[in-house]
Amino acid sequence: MRKSNVLIAIFITLLCIVLAVVLLACTVFVVRHINVEGVVASDLIDEEAIKQSSGISIGKSIVTINKAEVKADIEKENPYVEVLDISRRFPNKIVIKVTIRTAIMKISASDGTCAAIVDSSMKVLDVISQEDFSLNGATNVVGVTFEMPENGAASLIGTKFDFSSDPKLALLSEIASSAEEPSLDLAGTSFLTFFKKIEIRENEENLLALITTNTGVILVLDTSLSTSIYQQLYLCNYVYTSTETPKDLTKGYIALDKSSSVVAYKWMESID
């Protein structure tokens, strides 16, 4: 009988604890403040727009907030905003830390009416008309287009291009992610400053990326090679920046020297 009483007492204690936690979550641990912190100062960070698109309302339990859903909602409604962190500051504050995405490439629609502006993750940040094409400083992409969706190009804003089944888009994505490696230091605005044009060419069963730099020389990447796109870009950039070999950086190509028995890149006047 005593054992039964002890079990009942334990059950009642646990029930009281659960009720207390629920009561605190519903009355004390509720959202009273939402703070937006930007790691950079930018007109593209609209604090009120971020708060509204978060779906977090004052009085909502701070415990039940789904961070992944909040991040997705904010980034969908605010294409240029990247949510770095969402943190709970008990008892009643939510802090949303954000930064700004950099538009690095512009990809034209197949019908030639407009172009999508994308960041390094292939997220569409904006859509511009062909009249504004030359005014936008993002790196121009040639040889890759996207099909106009039924709802119009504007419906792409805030979404990501699916490059998993498109080799050309996948190659663009590899180039963008490779450029972000610390050894290259070509992320963000450095990308669109250094790379003026990326042309994707089909060559039998492989793809070539001809990347025109801001000085005029072209870096050649080849998907048929055993070396990764990152390694190829690194080696091309090494030759580009090296002072050991005489070269004219206003023209010509930097590509794999196929006549060499080792993996070697060099500047050349033309490519086959």
Protein backbone atom coordinates (compact mmCIF):
# COMPACT_ATOMS: atom_id res chain seq x y z
CA MET A 1 0.00 0.00 0.00
CA ARG A 2 2.83 2.35 0.83
CA LYS A 3 4.45 1.64 -2.54
CA SER A 4 1.20 2.54 -4.28
CA ASN A 5 1.03 5.83 -2.41
CA VAL A 6 4.59 6.66 -3.41
CA LEU A 7 3.82 6.02 -7.09
CA ILE A 8 0.73 8.20 -6.89
CA ALA A 9 2.73 10.97 -5.25
CA ILE A 10 5.42 10.76 -7.97
CA PHE A 11 2.74 10.88 -10.70
CA ILE A 12 1.08 13.92 -9.14
CA THR A 13 4.47 15.66 -8.79
CA LEU A 14 5.35 15.04 -12.43
CA LEU A 15 1.91 16.23 -13.51
CA CYS A 16 2.36 19.42 -11.52
CA ILE A 17 5.77 20.01 -13.12
CA VAL A 18 4.33 19.53 -16.61
CA LEU A 19 1.45 21.88 -15.84
CA ALA A 20 3.87 24.45 -14.45
CA VAL A 21 6.02 24.28 -17.58
CA VAL A 22 2.96 24.65 -19.82
CA LEU A 23 1.72 27.56 -17.71
CA LEU A 24 5.11 29.29 -17.94
CA ALA A 25 5.27 28.72 -21.68
CA CYS A 26 1.81 30.23 -22.13
CA THR A 27 2.11 33.17 -19.74
CA VAL A 28 5.74 34.01 -19.00
CA PHE A 29 7.78 32.62 -21.91
CA VAL A 30 5.86 34.47 -24.62
CA VAL A 31 7.19 36.82 -27.28
CA ARG A 32 7.23 40.44 -26.17
CA HIS A 33 10.11 41.70 -28.30
CA ILE A 34 11.42 40.84 -31.78
CA ASN A 35 14.83 42.26 -32.63
CA VAL A 36 16.43 42.21 -36.09
CA GLU A 37 20.22 42.46 -36.18
CA GLY A 38 22.02 43.06 -39.48
CA VAL A 39 25.69 42.15 -39.83
CA VAL A 40 25.94 44.84 -42.50
CA ALA A 41 24.25 48.18 -42.96
CA SER A 42 22.01 48.06 -46.02
CA ASP A 43 18.84 49.65 -47.35
CA LEU A 44 17.78 46.12 -48.33
CA ILE A 45 17.32 45.19 -44.67
CA ASP A 46 13.79 46.33 -43.82
CA GLU A 47 13.35 45.50 -40.14
CA GLU A 48 9.56 45.79 -40.15
CA ALA A 49 9.21 43.70 -43.32
CA ILE A 50 11.40 40.99 -41.79
CA LYS A 51 9.34 40.96 -38.59
CA GLN A 52 6.06 40.72 -40.48
CA SER A 53 7.23 37.97 -42.83
CA SER A 54 8.60 35.92 -39.92
CA GLY A 55 5.10 34.94 -38.85
CA ILE A 56 6.06 35.52 -35.21
CA SER A 57 3.37 37.41 -33.33
CA ILE A 58 3.59 39.17 -30.00
CA GLY A 59 2.16 36.91 -27.31
CA LYS A 60 3.12 33.69 -29.07
CA SER A 61 4.90 31.08 -26.98
CA ILE A 62 8.65 31.49 -27.38
CA VAL A 63 9.08 27.74 -26.90
CA THR A 64 6.94 26.59 -29.82
CA ILE A 65 8.55 28.76 -32.52
CA ASN A 66 9.84 26.67 -35.44
CA LYS A 67 13.12 28.30 -36.49
CA ALA A 68 13.33 26.51 -39.84
CA GLU A 69 9.86 27.70 -40.85
CA VAL A 70 10.57 31.26 -39.73
CA LYS A 71 13.82 31.32 -41.74
CA ALA A 72 12.07 29.97 -44.85
CA ASP A 73 9.22 32.48 -44.58
CA ILE A 74 11.56 35.46 -44.17
CA GLU A 75 13.85 34.47 -47.04
CA LYS A 76 10.91 33.79 -49.37
CA GLU A 77 9.37 37.22 -48.81
CA ASN A 78 12.71 39.06 -48.64
CA PRO A 79 14.87 37.55 -51.43
CA TYR A 80 17.99 39.58 -50.69
CA VAL A 81 17.92 38.69 -46.98
CA GLU A 82 19.79 35.68 -45.64
CA VAL A 83 18.88 34.60 -42.12
CA LEU A 84 22.03 33.63 -40.25
CA ASP A 85 20.51 32.80 -36.88
CA ILE A 86 17.27 32.89 -34.91
CA SER A 87 17.73 32.78 -31.16
CA ARG A 88 15.46 32.74 -28.14
CA ARG A 89 16.40 35.12 -25.34
CA PHE A 90 14.38 34.02 -22.39
CA PRO A 91 12.01 34.97 -21.07
CA ASN A 92 10.43 36.97 -23.92
CA LYS A 93 12.71 38.01 -26.78
CA ILE A 94 13.42 36.66 -30.26
CA VAL A 95 16.56 37.85 -32.07
CA ILE A 96 16.82 37.41 -35.84
CA LYS A 97 20.33 37.88 -37.23
CA VAL A 98 20.47 38.61 -40.97
CA THR A 99 22.82 39.63 -43.73
CA ILE A 100 22.44 40.56 -47.40
CA ARG A 101 22.88 38.18 -50.31
CA THR A 102 25.06 39.37 -53.19
CA ALA A 103 23.72 39.17 -56.73
CA ILE A 104 26.60 37.71 -58.74
CA MET A 105 25.20 36.36 -62.04
CA LYS A 106 22.44 37.17 -64.52
CA ILE A 107 20.84 34.36 -66.51
CA SER A 108 18.54 35.15 -69.42
CA ALA A 109 15.14 33.63 -70.09
CA SER A 110 14.96 31.37 -73.14
CA ASP A 111 12.57 33.81 -74.85
CA GLY A 112 15.02 36.67 -74.33
CA THR A 113 12.55 38.94 -72.58
CA CYS A 114 14.25 39.19 -69.19
CA ALA A 115 17.03 37.88 -66.97
CA ALA A 116 17.14 36.40 -63.49
CA ILE A 117 19.66 37.79 -61.01
CA VAL A 118 21.05 35.03 -58.76
CA ASP A 119 23.43 34.67 -55.83
CA SER A 120 26.03 31.94 -55.27
CA SER A 121 23.37 29.44 -54.15
CA MET A 122 21.43 29.99 -57.41
CA LYS A 123 18.66 31.78 -55.56
CA VAL A 124 16.75 34.25 -57.72
CA LEU A 125 17.00 37.66 -56.06
CA ASP A 126 15.39 39.71 -58.79
CA VAL A 127 14.23 39.70 -62.41
CA ILE A 128 15.24 42.47 -64.78
CA SER A 129 14.08 43.39 -68.29
CA GLN A 130 16.43 43.20 -71.25
CA GLU A 131 16.37 47.02 -71.33
CA ASP A 132 18.07 47.03 -67.92
CA PHE A 133 20.43 44.15 -68.74
CA SER A 134 23.47 46.30 -69.52
CA LEU A 135 22.88 48.47 -66.46
CA ASN A 136 23.15 45.57 -64.03
CA GLY A 137 26.72 44.80 -62.94
CA ALA A 138 26.27 41.10 -62.26
CA THR A 139 28.38 38.67 -64.29
CA ASN A 140 26.76 37.90 -67.62
CA VAL A 141 26.03 34.21 -68.30
CA VAL A 142 25.97 33.01 -71.91
CA GLY A 143 24.90 29.57 -73.10
CA VAL A 144 22.52 28.93 -70.20
CA THR A 145 18.87 29.98 -70.13
CA PHE A 146 15.78 29.22 -68.09
CA GLU A 147 12.25 28.44 -69.25
CA MET A 148 9.65 31.07 -68.44
CA PRO A 149 7.25 29.71 -65.80
CA GLU A 150 3.49 29.84 -66.39
CA ASN A 151 3.06 32.44 -63.66
CA GLY A 152 5.70 34.72 -65.19
CA ALA A 153 9.32 35.40 -64.36
CA ALA A 154 8.44 37.34 -61.20
CA SER A 155 7.22 34.07 -59.63
CA LEU A 156 10.86 32.89 -59.60
CA ILE A 157 11.93 35.60 -57.15
CA GLY A 158 12.77 34.06 -53.79
CA THR A 159 13.14 30.53 -55.21
CA LYS A 160 16.24 28.61 -56.25
CA PHE A 161 17.02 27.22 -59.69
CA ASP A 162 17.02 23.44 -59.60
CA PHE A 163 20.46 22.58 -60.93
CA SER A 164 20.41 18.91 -59.86
CA SER A 165 19.13 17.81 -63.27
CA ASP A 166 20.68 20.56 -65.40
CA PRO A 167 24.44 20.07 -66.03
CA LYS A 168 24.90 23.66 -67.20
CA LEU A 169 23.29 25.16 -64.10
CA ALA A 170 25.21 22.64 -61.99
CA LEU A 171 28.48 23.87 -63.52
CA LEU A 172 27.54 27.48 -62.78
CA SER A 173 26.79 26.49 -59.20
CA GLU A 174 30.18 24.76 -58.88
CA ILE A 175 31.97 27.84 -60.20
CA ALA A 176 30.12 30.08 -57.75
CA SER A 177 30.77 27.85 -54.74
CA SER A 178 34.42 27.34 -55.72
CA ALA A 179 34.94 31.10 -55.90
CA GLU A 180 33.87 31.36 -52.26
CA GLU A 181 36.75 29.19 -51.05
CA PRO A 182 39.20 31.22 -48.92
CA SER A 183 42.10 30.25 -51.19
CA LEU A 184 40.45 32.10 -54.08
CA ASP A 185 38.75 34.91 -52.16
CA LEU A 186 36.38 35.72 -55.02
CA ALA A 187 33.09 35.68 -53.13
CA GLY A 188 30.38 38.31 -53.28
CA THR A 189 31.23 41.55 -55.03
CA SER A 190 34.73 40.24 -55.83
CA PHE A 191 33.07 37.64 -58.08
CA LEU A 192 31.19 40.09 -60.26
CA THR A 193 34.15 42.49 -60.30
CA PHE A 194 36.63 39.85 -61.46
CA PHE A 195 34.40 37.72 -63.71
CA LYS A 196 32.72 39.77 -66.42
CA LYS A 197 31.25 36.91 -68.44
CA ILE A 198 30.79 33.14 -68.11
CA GLU A 199 30.09 31.26 -71.31
CA ILE A 200 29.05 27.62 -71.10
CA ARG A 201 29.75 25.57 -74.24
CA GLU A 202 28.79 22.00 -75.02
CA ASN A 203 31.70 19.99 -76.42
CA GLU A 204 30.69 16.44 -77.33
CA GLU A 205 29.92 14.83 -73.94
CA ASN A 206 31.47 17.49 -71.72
CA LEU A 207 30.99 21.15 -70.91
CA LEU A 208 33.47 24.00 -71.15
CA ALA A 209 33.24 27.15 -69.07
CA LEU A 210 34.99 30.13 -70.63
CA ILE A 211 35.29 32.79 -67.92
CA THR A 212 36.24 36.24 -69.16
CA THR A 213 38.04 38.26 -66.49
CA ASN A 214 37.89 42.03 -66.06
CA THR A 215 41.19 42.40 -67.94
CA GLY A 216 40.10 40.35 -70.95
CA VAL A 217 41.94 37.05 -70.51
CA ILE A 218 39.73 33.93 -70.46
CA LEU A 219 39.98 31.10 -67.91
CA VAL A 220 39.02 27.70 -69.36
CA LEU A 221 37.35 25.02 -67.20
CA ASP A 222 36.52 21.56 -68.56
CA THR A 223 34.14 19.06 -66.95
CA SER A 224 35.82 16.12 -68.74
CA LEU A 225 39.01 16.52 -66.69
CA SER A 226 39.66 14.45 -63.58
CA THR A 227 40.44 17.55 -61.53
CA SER A 228 37.53 19.30 -59.85
CA ILE A 229 36.14 22.65 -60.98
CA TYR A 230 37.57 24.20 -57.83
CA GLN A 231 41.06 22.84 -58.60
CA GLN A 232 40.86 24.05 -62.20
CA LEU A 233 39.73 27.51 -61.13
CA TYR A 234 42.45 27.62 -58.49
CA LEU A 235 45.18 26.67 -61.00
CA CYS A 236 43.90 29.12 -63.61
CA ASN A 237 43.86 31.88 -61.03
CA TYR A 238 47.35 30.92 -59.87
CA VAL A 239 48.71 31.37 -63.40
CA TYR A 240 46.70 34.58 -63.77
CA THR A 241 48.21 36.15 -60.64
CA SER A 242 51.72 34.68 -60.99
CA THR A 243 54.53 36.92 -62.17
CA GLU A 244 56.78 34.00 -63.11
CA THR A 245 55.49 33.50 -66.65
CA PRO A 246 55.22 36.36 -69.19
CA LYS A 247 51.67 36.74 -70.47
CA ASP A 248 49.29 39.29 -71.94
CA LEU A 249 46.35 39.55 -69.58
CA THR A 250 44.31 41.63 -72.02
CA LYS A 251 43.67 38.65 -74.31
CA GLY A 252 44.23 34.94 -74.76
CA TYR A 253 43.36 31.98 -72.55
CA ILE A 254 44.60 30.30 -69.40
CA ALA A 255 43.92 26.58 -69.74
CA LEU A 256 45.33 23.11 -69.17
CA ASP A 257 48.46 22.45 -71.21
CA LYS A 258 47.40 19.19 -72.86
CA SER A 259 50.87 18.69 -74.31
CA SER A 260 52.38 18.42 -70.83
CA SER A 261 52.82 15.08 -69.08
CA VAL A 262 51.78 16.65 -65.77
CA VAL A 263 48.79 18.75 -64.78
CA ALA A 264 49.93 22.20 -65.80
CA TYR A 265 48.08 25.36 -66.75
CA LYS A 266 49.51 28.14 -68.87
CA TRP A 267 48.58 31.25 -70.81
CA MET A 268 48.11 30.70 -74.56
CA GLU A 269 46.94 32.82 -77.45
CA SER A 270 44.24 30.39 -78.58
CA ILE A 271 42.63 27.08 -77.66
CA ASP A 272 41.57 24.18 -79.88
